[in-house]
Amino acid sequence: MPNTPGVASFAMTSSPSTVSTTLLSILRDDLNIDLTRVTPDARLVDDVGLDSVAFAVGMVAIEERLGVALSEEELLTCDTVGELEAAIAAKYRDE
């Protein structure tokens, strides 16, 4: 993974984990997101640039790679990358 400012600040505020590593990989590889725009406080729509298609692709990738399925209600409560990571991590631990 390239050393980019977004990734560095993301790693400093969240401990390295399967969830954060996988989420960054999905954003970069599946959704072609420039990781310099990705921080825990980055808003998924306004800052990262996700649209409804990207959300659908991302949710499928999260379910395939981590075995976690977020409901539409859970997804709608996530405004930022950090909130999405926390929602995934909570379900990942429960499963």
PDB file of N, CA and C in Angstrom:
ATOM      1  N   MET A   1       0.856  -1.179   0.000  1.00  0.00           N
ATOM      2  CA  MET A   1       0.000   0.000   0.000  1.00  0.00           C
ATOM      3  C   MET A   1       0.895   1.232   0.000  1.00  0.00           C
ATOM      4  N   PRO A   2       0.652   2.175  -0.905  1.00  0.00           N
ATOM      5  CA  PRO A   2       1.491   3.371  -0.957  1.00  0.00           C
ATOM      6  C   PRO A   2       1.320   4.215   0.293  1.00  0.00           C
ATOM      7  N   ASN A   3       2.372   4.912   0.663  1.00  0.00           N
ATOM      8  CA  ASN A   3       2.317   5.778   1.831  1.00  0.00           C
ATOM      9  C   ASN A   3       1.760   7.128   1.404  1.00  0.00           C
ATOM     10  N   THR A   4       0.486   7.349   1.687  1.00  0.00           N
ATOM     11  CA  THR A   4      -0.172   8.596   1.316  1.00  0.00           C
ATOM     12  C   THR A   4      -0.659   9.294   2.562  1.00  0.00           C
ATOM     13  N   PRO A   5      -0.816  10.622   2.530  1.00  0.00           N
ATOM     14  CA  PRO A   5      -1.244  11.353   3.717  1.00  0.00           C
ATOM     15  C   PRO A   5      -2.552  10.835   4.299  1.00  0.00           C
ATOM     16  N   GLY A   6      -3.528  10.528   3.477  1.00  0.00           N
ATOM     17  CA  GLY A   6      -4.810  10.039   3.982  1.00  0.00           C
ATOM     18  C   GLY A   6      -4.657   8.731   4.722  1.00  0.00           C
ATOM     19  N   VAL A   7      -3.879   7.824   4.160  1.00  0.00           N
ATOM     20  CA  VAL A   7      -3.676   6.528   4.784  1.00  0.00           C
ATOM     21  C   VAL A   7      -2.917   6.687   6.087  1.00  0.00           C
ATOM     22  N   ALA A   8      -1.915   7.553   6.104  1.00  0.00           N
ATOM     23  CA  ALA A   8      -1.130   7.754   7.317  1.00  0.00           C
ATOM     24  C   ALA A   8      -2.004   8.277   8.445  1.00  0.00           C
ATOM     25  N   SER A   9      -2.841   9.265   8.164  1.00  0.00           N
ATOM     26  CA  SER A   9      -3.674   9.802   9.235  1.00  0.00           C
ATOM     27  C   SER A   9      -4.746   8.805   9.636  1.00  0.00           C
ATOM     28  N   PHE A  10      -5.210   7.983   8.708  1.00  0.00           N
ATOM     29  CA  PHE A  10      -6.196   6.951   9.030  1.00  0.00           C
ATOM     30  C   PHE A  10      -5.568   5.946   9.986  1.00  0.00           C
ATOM     31  N   ALA A  11      -4.347   5.507   9.686  1.00  0.00           N
ATOM     32  CA  ALA A  11      -3.674   4.513  10.506  1.00  0.00           C
ATOM     33  C   ALA A  11      -3.340   5.053  11.890  1.00  0.00           C
ATOM     34  N   MET A  12      -3.066   6.345  12.001  1.00  0.00           N
ATOM     35  CA  MET A  12      -2.710   6.914  13.294  1.00  0.00           C
ATOM     36  C   MET A  12      -3.914   6.987  14.218  1.00  0.00           C
ATOM     37  N   THR A  13      -5.121   7.104  13.667  1.00  0.00           N
ATOM     38  CA  THR A  13      -6.282   7.267  14.523  1.00  0.00           C
ATOM     39  C   THR A  13      -7.053   5.977  14.721  1.00  0.00           C
ATOM     40  N   SER A  14      -6.708   4.932  14.012  1.00  0.00           N
ATOM     41  CA  SER A  14      -7.359   3.651  14.235  1.00  0.00           C
ATOM     42  C   SER A  14      -6.295   2.578  14.235  1.00  0.00           C
ATOM     43  N   SER A  15      -6.389   1.676  15.202  1.00  0.00           N
ATOM     44  CA  SER A  15      -5.381   0.638  15.268  1.00  0.00           C
ATOM     45  C   SER A  15      -5.468  -0.243  14.031  1.00  0.00           C
ATOM     46  N   PRO A  16      -4.331  -0.704  13.557  1.00  0.00           N
ATOM     47  CA  PRO A  16      -4.349  -1.569  12.380  1.00  0.00           C
ATOM     48  C   PRO A  16      -5.191  -2.806  12.668  1.00  0.00           C
ATOM     49  N   SER A  17      -6.111  -3.082  11.816  1.00  0.00           N
ATOM     50  CA  SER A  17      -6.975  -4.232  12.012  1.00  0.00           C
ATOM     51  C   SER A  17      -7.387  -4.787  10.668  1.00  0.00           C
ATOM     52  N   THR A  18      -7.952  -5.962  10.713  1.00  0.00           N
ATOM     53  CA  THR A  18      -8.470  -6.576   9.497  1.00  0.00           C
ATOM     54  C   THR A  18      -9.505  -5.683   8.852  1.00  0.00           C
ATOM     55  N   VAL A  19     -10.381  -5.088   9.659  1.00  0.00           N
ATOM     56  CA  VAL A  19     -11.455  -4.261   9.116  1.00  0.00           C
ATOM     57  C   VAL A  19     -10.900  -3.028   8.421  1.00  0.00           C
ATOM     58  N   SER A  20     -10.014  -2.279   9.069  1.00  0.00           N
ATOM     59  CA  SER A  20      -9.510  -1.050   8.455  1.00  0.00           C
ATOM     60  C   SER A  20      -8.676  -1.351   7.216  1.00  0.00           C
ATOM     61  N   THR A  21      -7.852  -2.383   7.283  1.00  0.00           N
ATOM     62  CA  THR A  21      -7.040  -2.756   6.130  1.00  0.00           C
ATOM     63  C   THR A  21      -7.917  -3.166   4.955  1.00  0.00           C
ATOM     64  N   THR A  22      -8.935  -3.971   5.236  1.00  0.00           N
ATOM     65  CA  THR A  22      -9.834  -4.428   4.174  1.00  0.00           C
ATOM     66  C   THR A  22     -10.649  -3.278   3.617  1.00  0.00           C
ATOM     67  N   LEU A  23     -11.132  -2.394   4.478  1.00  0.00           N
ATOM     68  CA  LEU A  23     -11.913  -1.248   4.011  1.00  0.00           C
ATOM     69  C   LEU A  23     -11.074  -0.357   3.095  1.00  0.00           C
ATOM     70  N   LEU A  24      -9.842  -0.082   3.481  1.00  0.00           N
ATOM     71  CA  LEU A  24      -8.961   0.724   2.630  1.00  0.00           C
ATOM     72  C   LEU A  24      -8.701   0.029   1.297  1.00  0.00           C
ATOM     73  N   SER A  25      -8.517  -1.268   1.342  1.00  0.00           N
ATOM     74  CA  SER A  25      -8.296  -2.032   0.118  1.00  0.00           C
ATOM     75  C   SER A  25      -9.509  -1.961  -0.806  1.00  0.00           C
ATOM     76  N   ILE A  26     -10.696  -2.075  -0.248  1.00  0.00           N
ATOM     77  CA  ILE A  26     -11.928  -1.988  -1.046  1.00  0.00           C
ATOM     78  C   ILE A  26     -12.059  -0.601  -1.660  1.00  0.00           C
ATOM     79  N   LEU A  27     -11.823   0.431  -0.864  1.00  0.00           N
ATOM     80  CA  LEU A  27     -11.924   1.794  -1.388  1.00  0.00           C
ATOM     81  C   LEU A  27     -10.942   2.010  -2.538  1.00  0.00           C
ATOM     82  N   ARG A  28      -9.733   1.526  -2.365  1.00  0.00           N
ATOM     83  CA  ARG A  28      -8.691   1.726  -3.379  1.00  0.00           C
ATOM     84  C   ARG A  28      -8.899   0.823  -4.596  1.00  0.00           C
ATOM     85  N   ASP A  29      -9.047  -0.469  -4.369  1.00  0.00           N
ATOM     86  CA  ASP A  29      -9.027  -1.439  -5.463  1.00  0.00           C
ATOM     87  C   ASP A  29     -10.378  -1.622  -6.149  1.00  0.00           C
ATOM     88  N   ASP A  30     -11.442  -1.697  -5.377  1.00  0.00           N
ATOM     89  CA  ASP A  30     -12.763  -1.953  -5.956  1.00  0.00           C
ATOM     90  C   ASP A  30     -13.456  -0.674  -6.422  1.00  0.00           C
ATOM     91  N   LEU A  31     -13.221   0.429  -5.697  1.00  0.00           N
ATOM     92  CA  LEU A  31     -13.943   1.665  -5.996  1.00  0.00           C
ATOM     93  C   LEU A  31     -13.058   2.745  -6.614  1.00  0.00           C
ATOM     94  N   ASN A  32     -11.774   2.434  -6.798  1.00  0.00           N
ATOM     95  CA  ASN A  32     -10.826   3.381  -7.414  1.00  0.00           C
ATOM     96  C   ASN A  32     -10.795   4.742  -6.716  1.00  0.00           C
ATOM     97  N   ILE A  33     -10.841   4.726  -5.398  1.00  0.00           N
ATOM     98  CA  ILE A  33     -10.799   5.954  -4.605  1.00  0.00           C
ATOM     99  C   ILE A  33      -9.340   6.312  -4.327  1.00  0.00           C
ATOM    100  N   ASP A  34      -9.011   7.576  -4.490  1.00  0.00           N
ATOM    101  CA  ASP A  34      -7.688   8.096  -4.156  1.00  0.00           C
ATOM    102  C   ASP A  34      -7.587   8.134  -2.630  1.00  0.00           C
ATOM    103  N   LEU A  35      -6.726   7.303  -2.066  1.00  0.00           N
ATOM    104  CA  LEU A  35      -6.654   7.187  -0.609  1.00  0.00           C
ATOM    105  C   LEU A  35      -6.145   8.448   0.081  1.00  0.00           C
ATOM    106  N   THR A  36      -5.613   9.410  -0.661  1.00  0.00           N
ATOM    107  CA  THR A  36      -5.213  10.663  -0.021  1.00  0.00           C
ATOM    108  C   THR A  36      -6.440  11.417   0.482  1.00  0.00           C
ATOM    109  N   ARG A  37      -7.616  11.082  -0.027  1.00  0.00           N
ATOM    110  CA  ARG A  37      -8.862  11.724   0.413  1.00  0.00           C
ATOM    111  C   ARG A  37      -9.518  10.980   1.575  1.00  0.00           C
ATOM    112  N   VAL A  38      -8.936   9.855   1.988  1.00  0.00           N
ATOM    113  CA  VAL A  38      -9.569   8.996   2.985  1.00  0.00           C
ATOM    114  C   VAL A  38      -8.953   9.213   4.356  1.00  0.00           C
ATOM    115  N   THR A  39      -9.747   9.766   5.252  1.00  0.00           N
ATOM    116  CA  THR A  39      -9.405   9.903   6.665  1.00  0.00           C
ATOM    117  C   THR A  39     -10.633   9.456   7.451  1.00  0.00           C
ATOM    118  N   PRO A  40     -10.501   9.194   8.739  1.00  0.00           N
ATOM    119  CA  PRO A  40     -11.682   8.788   9.506  1.00  0.00           C
ATOM    120  C   PRO A  40     -12.807   9.820   9.462  1.00  0.00           C
ATOM    121  N   ASP A  41     -12.452  11.106   9.358  1.00  0.00           N
ATOM    122  CA  ASP A  41     -13.465  12.164   9.346  1.00  0.00           C
ATOM    123  C   ASP A  41     -13.981  12.496   7.948  1.00  0.00           C
ATOM    124  N   ALA A  42     -13.421  11.871   6.925  1.00  0.00           N
ATOM    125  CA  ALA A  42     -13.856  12.142   5.550  1.00  0.00           C
ATOM    126  C   ALA A  42     -15.288  11.654   5.359  1.00  0.00           C
ATOM    127  N   ARG A  43     -16.123  12.544   4.833  1.00  0.00           N
ATOM    128  CA  ARG A  43     -17.525  12.182   4.581  1.00  0.00           C
ATOM    129  C   ARG A  43     -17.587  11.310   3.334  1.00  0.00           C
ATOM    130  N   LEU A  44     -18.328  10.231   3.438  1.00  0.00           N
ATOM    131  CA  LEU A  44     -18.377   9.233   2.373  1.00  0.00           C
ATOM    132  C   LEU A  44     -18.849   9.808   1.045  1.00  0.00           C
ATOM    133  N   VAL A  45     -19.853  10.665   1.074  1.00  0.00           N
ATOM    134  CA  VAL A  45     -20.401  11.223  -0.160  1.00  0.00           C
ATOM    135  C   VAL A  45     -19.645  12.482  -0.561  1.00  0.00           C
ATOM    136  N   ASP A  46     -19.573  13.457   0.324  1.00  0.00           N
ATOM    137  CA  ASP A  46     -19.021  14.768  -0.022  1.00  0.00           C
ATOM    138  C   ASP A  46     -17.507  14.777  -0.210  1.00  0.00           C
ATOM    139  N   ASP A  47     -16.768  14.055   0.635  1.00  0.00           N
ATOM    140  CA  ASP A  47     -15.307  14.095   0.575  1.00  0.00           C
ATOM    141  C   ASP A  47     -14.711  12.953  -0.251  1.00  0.00           C
ATOM    142  N   VAL A  48     -15.220  11.753  -0.035  1.00  0.00           N
ATOM    143  CA  VAL A  48     -14.688  10.579  -0.725  1.00  0.00           C
ATOM    144  C   VAL A  48     -15.304  10.427  -2.113  1.00  0.00           C
ATOM    145  N   GLY A  49     -16.544  10.875  -2.264  1.00  0.00           N
ATOM    146  CA  GLY A  49     -17.187  10.860  -3.573  1.00  0.00           C
ATOM    147  C   GLY A  49     -17.987   9.617  -3.894  1.00  0.00           C
ATOM    148  N   LEU A  50     -18.418   8.892  -2.862  1.00  0.00           N
ATOM    149  CA  LEU A  50     -19.212   7.693  -3.121  1.00  0.00           C
ATOM    150  C   LEU A  50     -20.620   8.063  -3.572  1.00  0.00           C
ATOM    151  N   ASP A  51     -21.120   7.311  -4.541  1.00  0.00           N
ATOM    152  CA  ASP A  51     -22.506   7.461  -4.977  1.00  0.00           C
ATOM    153  C   ASP A  51     -23.233   6.147  -4.685  1.00  0.00           C
ATOM    154  N   SER A  52     -24.487   6.045  -5.096  1.00  0.00           N
ATOM    155  CA  SER A  52     -25.275   4.861  -4.751  1.00  0.00           C
ATOM    156  C   SER A  52     -24.685   3.588  -5.358  1.00  0.00           C
ATOM    157  N   VAL A  53     -24.139   3.678  -6.548  1.00  0.00           N
ATOM    158  CA  VAL A  53     -23.518   2.503  -7.170  1.00  0.00           C
ATOM    159  C   VAL A  53     -22.278   2.086  -6.380  1.00  0.00           C
ATOM    160  N   ALA A  54     -21.459   3.053  -5.988  1.00  0.00           N
ATOM    161  CA  ALA A  54     -20.256   2.750  -5.210  1.00  0.00           C
ATOM    162  C   ALA A  54     -20.617   2.132  -3.862  1.00  0.00           C
ATOM    163  N   PHE A  55     -21.678   2.627  -3.227  1.00  0.00           N
ATOM    164  CA  PHE A  55     -22.120   2.031  -1.964  1.00  0.00           C
ATOM    165  C   PHE A  55     -22.494   0.572  -2.176  1.00  0.00           C
ATOM    166  N   ALA A  56     -23.234   0.282  -3.241  1.00  0.00           N
ATOM    167  CA  ALA A  56     -23.663  -1.092  -3.516  1.00  0.00           C
ATOM    168  C   ALA A  56     -22.458  -1.999  -3.770  1.00  0.00           C
ATOM    169  N   VAL A  57     -21.528  -1.539  -4.595  1.00  0.00           N
ATOM    170  CA  VAL A  57     -20.322  -2.319  -4.889  1.00  0.00           C
ATOM    171  C   VAL A  57     -19.512  -2.530  -3.612  1.00  0.00           C
ATOM    172  N   GLY A  58     -19.370  -1.474  -2.821  1.00  0.00           N
ATOM    173  CA  GLY A  58     -18.618  -1.567  -1.574  1.00  0.00           C
ATOM    174  C   GLY A  58     -19.239  -2.521  -0.574  1.00  0.00           C
ATOM    175  N   MET A  59     -20.549  -2.492  -0.456  1.00  0.00           N
ATOM    176  CA  MET A  59     -21.224  -3.381   0.491  1.00  0.00           C
ATOM    177  C   MET A  59     -21.083  -4.846   0.080  1.00  0.00           C
ATOM    178  N   VAL A  60     -21.144  -5.115  -1.217  1.00  0.00           N
ATOM    179  CA  VAL A  60     -20.938  -6.487  -1.695  1.00  0.00           C
ATOM    180  C   VAL A  60     -19.508  -6.933  -1.379  1.00  0.00           C
ATOM    181  N   ALA A  61     -18.537  -6.062  -1.628  1.00  0.00           N
ATOM    182  CA  ALA A  61     -17.137  -6.395  -1.359  1.00  0.00           C
ATOM    183  C   ALA A  61     -16.899  -6.618   0.132  1.00  0.00           C
ATOM    184  N   ILE A  62     -17.507  -5.799   0.983  1.00  0.00           N
ATOM    185  CA  ILE A  62     -17.361  -5.960   2.436  1.00  0.00           C
ATOM    186  C   ILE A  62     -17.940  -7.300   2.871  1.00  0.00           C
ATOM    187  N   GLU A  63     -19.109  -7.635   2.344  1.00  0.00           N
ATOM    188  CA  GLU A  63     -19.730  -8.912   2.710  1.00  0.00           C
ATOM    189  C   GLU A  63     -18.885 -10.093   2.227  1.00  0.00           C
ATOM    190  N   GLU A  64     -18.361 -10.005   1.009  1.00  0.00           N
ATOM    191  CA  GLU A  64     -17.548 -11.096   0.465  1.00  0.00           C
ATOM    192  C   GLU A  64     -16.237 -11.271   1.224  1.00  0.00           C
ATOM    193  N   ARG A  65     -15.582 -10.171   1.569  1.00  0.00           N
ATOM    194  CA  ARG A  65     -14.250 -10.263   2.177  1.00  0.00           C
ATOM    195  C   ARG A  65     -14.274 -10.423   3.687  1.00  0.00           C
ATOM    196  N   LEU A  66     -15.271  -9.832   4.344  1.00  0.00           N
ATOM    197  CA  LEU A  66     -15.307  -9.878   5.807  1.00  0.00           C
ATOM    198  C   LEU A  66     -16.479 -10.685   6.356  1.00  0.00           C
ATOM    199  N   GLY A  67     -17.416 -11.056   5.495  1.00  0.00           N
ATOM    200  CA  GLY A  67     -18.586 -11.795   5.962  1.00  0.00           C
ATOM    201  C   GLY A  67     -19.541 -10.939   6.765  1.00  0.00           C
ATOM    202  N   VAL A  68     -19.503  -9.626   6.546  1.00  0.00           N
ATOM    203  CA  VAL A  68     -20.350  -8.683   7.283  1.00  0.00           C
ATOM    204  C   VAL A  68     -21.340  -8.048   6.316  1.00  0.00           C
ATOM    205  N   ALA A  69     -22.620  -8.142   6.667  1.00  0.00           N
ATOM    206  CA  ALA A  69     -23.656  -7.498   5.860  1.00  0.00           C
ATOM    207  C   ALA A  69     -24.304  -6.401   6.697  1.00  0.00           C
ATOM    208  N   LEU A  70     -24.186  -5.162   6.243  1.00  0.00           N
ATOM    209  CA  LEU A  70     -24.838  -4.046   6.923  1.00  0.00           C
ATOM    210  C   LEU A  70     -26.222  -3.854   6.321  1.00  0.00           C
ATOM    211  N   SER A  71     -27.187  -3.585   7.177  1.00  0.00           N
ATOM    212  CA  SER A  71     -28.525  -3.280   6.678  1.00  0.00           C
ATOM    213  C   SER A  71     -28.521  -1.871   6.087  1.00  0.00           C
ATOM    214  N   GLU A  72     -29.543  -1.576   5.317  1.00  0.00           N
ATOM    215  CA  GLU A  72     -29.653  -0.234   4.740  1.00  0.00           C
ATOM    216  C   GLU A  72     -29.720   0.813   5.848  1.00  0.00           C
ATOM    217  N   GLU A  73     -30.431   0.500   6.932  1.00  0.00           N
ATOM    218  CA  GLU A  73     -30.543   1.435   8.059  1.00  0.00           C
ATOM    219  C   GLU A  73     -29.182   1.690   8.693  1.00  0.00           C
ATOM    220  N   GLU A  74     -28.398   0.615   8.879  1.00  0.00           N
ATOM    221  CA  GLU A  74     -27.063   0.776   9.459  1.00  0.00           C
ATOM    222  C   GLU A  74     -26.173   1.608   8.540  1.00  0.00           C
ATOM    223  N   LEU A  75     -26.250   1.344   7.270  1.00  0.00           N
ATOM    224  CA  LEU A  75     -25.440   2.082   6.309  1.00  0.00           C
ATOM    225  C   LEU A  75     -25.803   3.561   6.294  1.00  0.00           C
ATOM    226  N   LEU A  76     -27.086   3.864   6.377  1.00  0.00           N
ATOM    227  CA  LEU A  76     -27.533   5.256   6.326  1.00  0.00           C
ATOM    228  C   LEU A  76     -27.098   6.063   7.546  1.00  0.00           C
ATOM    229  N   THR A  77     -26.728   5.400   8.640  1.00  0.00           N
ATOM    230  CA  THR A  77     -26.252   6.125   9.821  1.00  0.00           C
ATOM    231  C   THR A  77     -24.769   6.478   9.712  1.00  0.00           C
ATOM    232  N   CYS A  78     -24.090   5.964   8.701  1.00  0.00           N
ATOM    233  CA  CYS A  78     -22.654   6.196   8.524  1.00  0.00           C
ATOM    234  C   CYS A  78     -22.423   7.366   7.578  1.00  0.00           C
ATOM    235  N   ASP A  79     -21.977   8.478   8.132  1.00  0.00           N
ATOM    236  CA  ASP A  79     -21.672   9.649   7.307  1.00  0.00           C
ATOM    237  C   ASP A  79     -20.197   9.720   6.929  1.00  0.00           C
ATOM    238  N   THR A  80     -19.338   9.147   7.771  1.00  0.00           N
ATOM    239  CA  THR A  80     -17.896   9.263   7.547  1.00  0.00           C
ATOM    240  C   THR A  80     -17.251   7.885   7.392  1.00  0.00           C
ATOM    241  N   VAL A  81     -16.022   7.894   6.917  1.00  0.00           N
ATOM    242  CA  VAL A  81     -15.258   6.655   6.782  1.00  0.00           C
ATOM    243  C   VAL A  81     -15.096   5.992   8.149  1.00  0.00           C
ATOM    244  N   GLY A  82     -14.810   6.783   9.179  1.00  0.00           N
ATOM    245  CA  GLY A  82     -14.638   6.242  10.523  1.00  0.00           C
ATOM    246  C   GLY A  82     -15.906   5.597  11.058  1.00  0.00           C
ATOM    247  N   GLU A  83     -17.051   6.213  10.785  1.00  0.00           N
ATOM    248  CA  GLU A  83     -18.323   5.633  11.220  1.00  0.00           C
ATOM    249  C   GLU A  83     -18.603   4.325  10.486  1.00  0.00           C
ATOM    250  N   LEU A  84     -18.277   4.272   9.211  1.00  0.00           N
ATOM    251  CA  LEU A  84     -18.459   3.038   8.444  1.00  0.00           C
ATOM    252  C   LEU A  84     -17.546   1.947   8.983  1.00  0.00           C
ATOM    253  N   GLU A  85     -16.295   2.292   9.250  1.00  0.00           N
ATOM    254  CA  GLU A  85     -15.364   1.308   9.812  1.00  0.00           C
ATOM    255  C   GLU A  85     -15.875   0.786  11.150  1.00  0.00           C
ATOM    256  N   ALA A  86     -16.373   1.678  12.010  1.00  0.00           N
ATOM    257  CA  ALA A  86     -16.879   1.267  13.321  1.00  0.00           C
ATOM    258  C   ALA A  86     -18.091   0.347  13.183  1.00  0.00           C
ATOM    259  N   ALA A  87     -18.989   0.652  12.260  1.00  0.00           N
ATOM    260  CA  ALA A  87     -20.176  -0.184  12.051  1.00  0.00           C
ATOM    261  C   ALA A  87     -19.778  -1.575  11.567  1.00  0.00           C
ATOM    262  N   ILE A  88     -18.817  -1.623  10.654  1.00  0.00           N
ATOM    263  CA  ILE A  88     -18.345  -2.916  10.157  1.00  0.00           C
ATOM    264  C   ILE A  88     -17.648  -3.680  11.276  1.00  0.00           C
ATOM    265  N   ALA A  89     -16.785  -3.000  12.026  1.00  0.00           N
ATOM    266  CA  ALA A  89     -16.030  -3.643  13.103  1.00  0.00           C
ATOM    267  C   ALA A  89     -16.959  -4.215  14.168  1.00  0.00           C
ATOM    268  N   ALA A  90     -18.024  -3.490  14.499  1.00  0.00           N
ATOM    269  CA  ALA A  90     -18.970  -3.970  15.509  1.00  0.00           C
ATOM    270  C   ALA A  90     -19.626  -5.273  15.060  1.00  0.00           C
ATOM    271  N   LYS A  91     -20.007  -5.344  13.812  1.00  0.00           N
ATOM    272  CA  LYS A  91     -20.632  -6.570  13.295  1.00  0.00           C
ATOM    273  C   LYS A  91     -19.597  -7.669  13.085  1.00  0.00           C
ATOM    274  N   TYR A  92     -18.389  -7.300  12.723  1.00  0.00           N
ATOM    275  CA  TYR A  92     -17.319  -8.276  12.497  1.00  0.00           C
ATOM    276  C   TYR A  92     -16.999  -9.012  13.796  1.00  0.00           C
ATOM    277  N   ARG A  93     -16.989  -8.289  14.913  1.00  0.00           N
ATOM    278  CA  ARG A  93     -16.733  -8.895  16.225  1.00  0.00           C
ATOM    279  C   ARG A  93     -17.885  -9.782  16.661  1.00  0.00           C
ATOM    280  N   ASP A  94     -19.115  -9.383  16.297  1.00  0.00           N
ATOM    281  CA  ASP A  94     -20.296 -10.125  16.723  1.00  0.00           C
ATOM    282  C   ASP A  94     -20.474 -11.439  15.971  1.00  0.00           C
ATOM    283  N   GLU A  95     -19.866 -11.542  14.804  1.00  0.00           N
ATOM    284  CA  GLU A  95     -20.117 -12.723  13.965  1.00  0.00           C
ATOM    285  C   GLU A  95     -19.116 -13.810  14.191  1.00  0.00           C
TER     286      GLU A  95
END
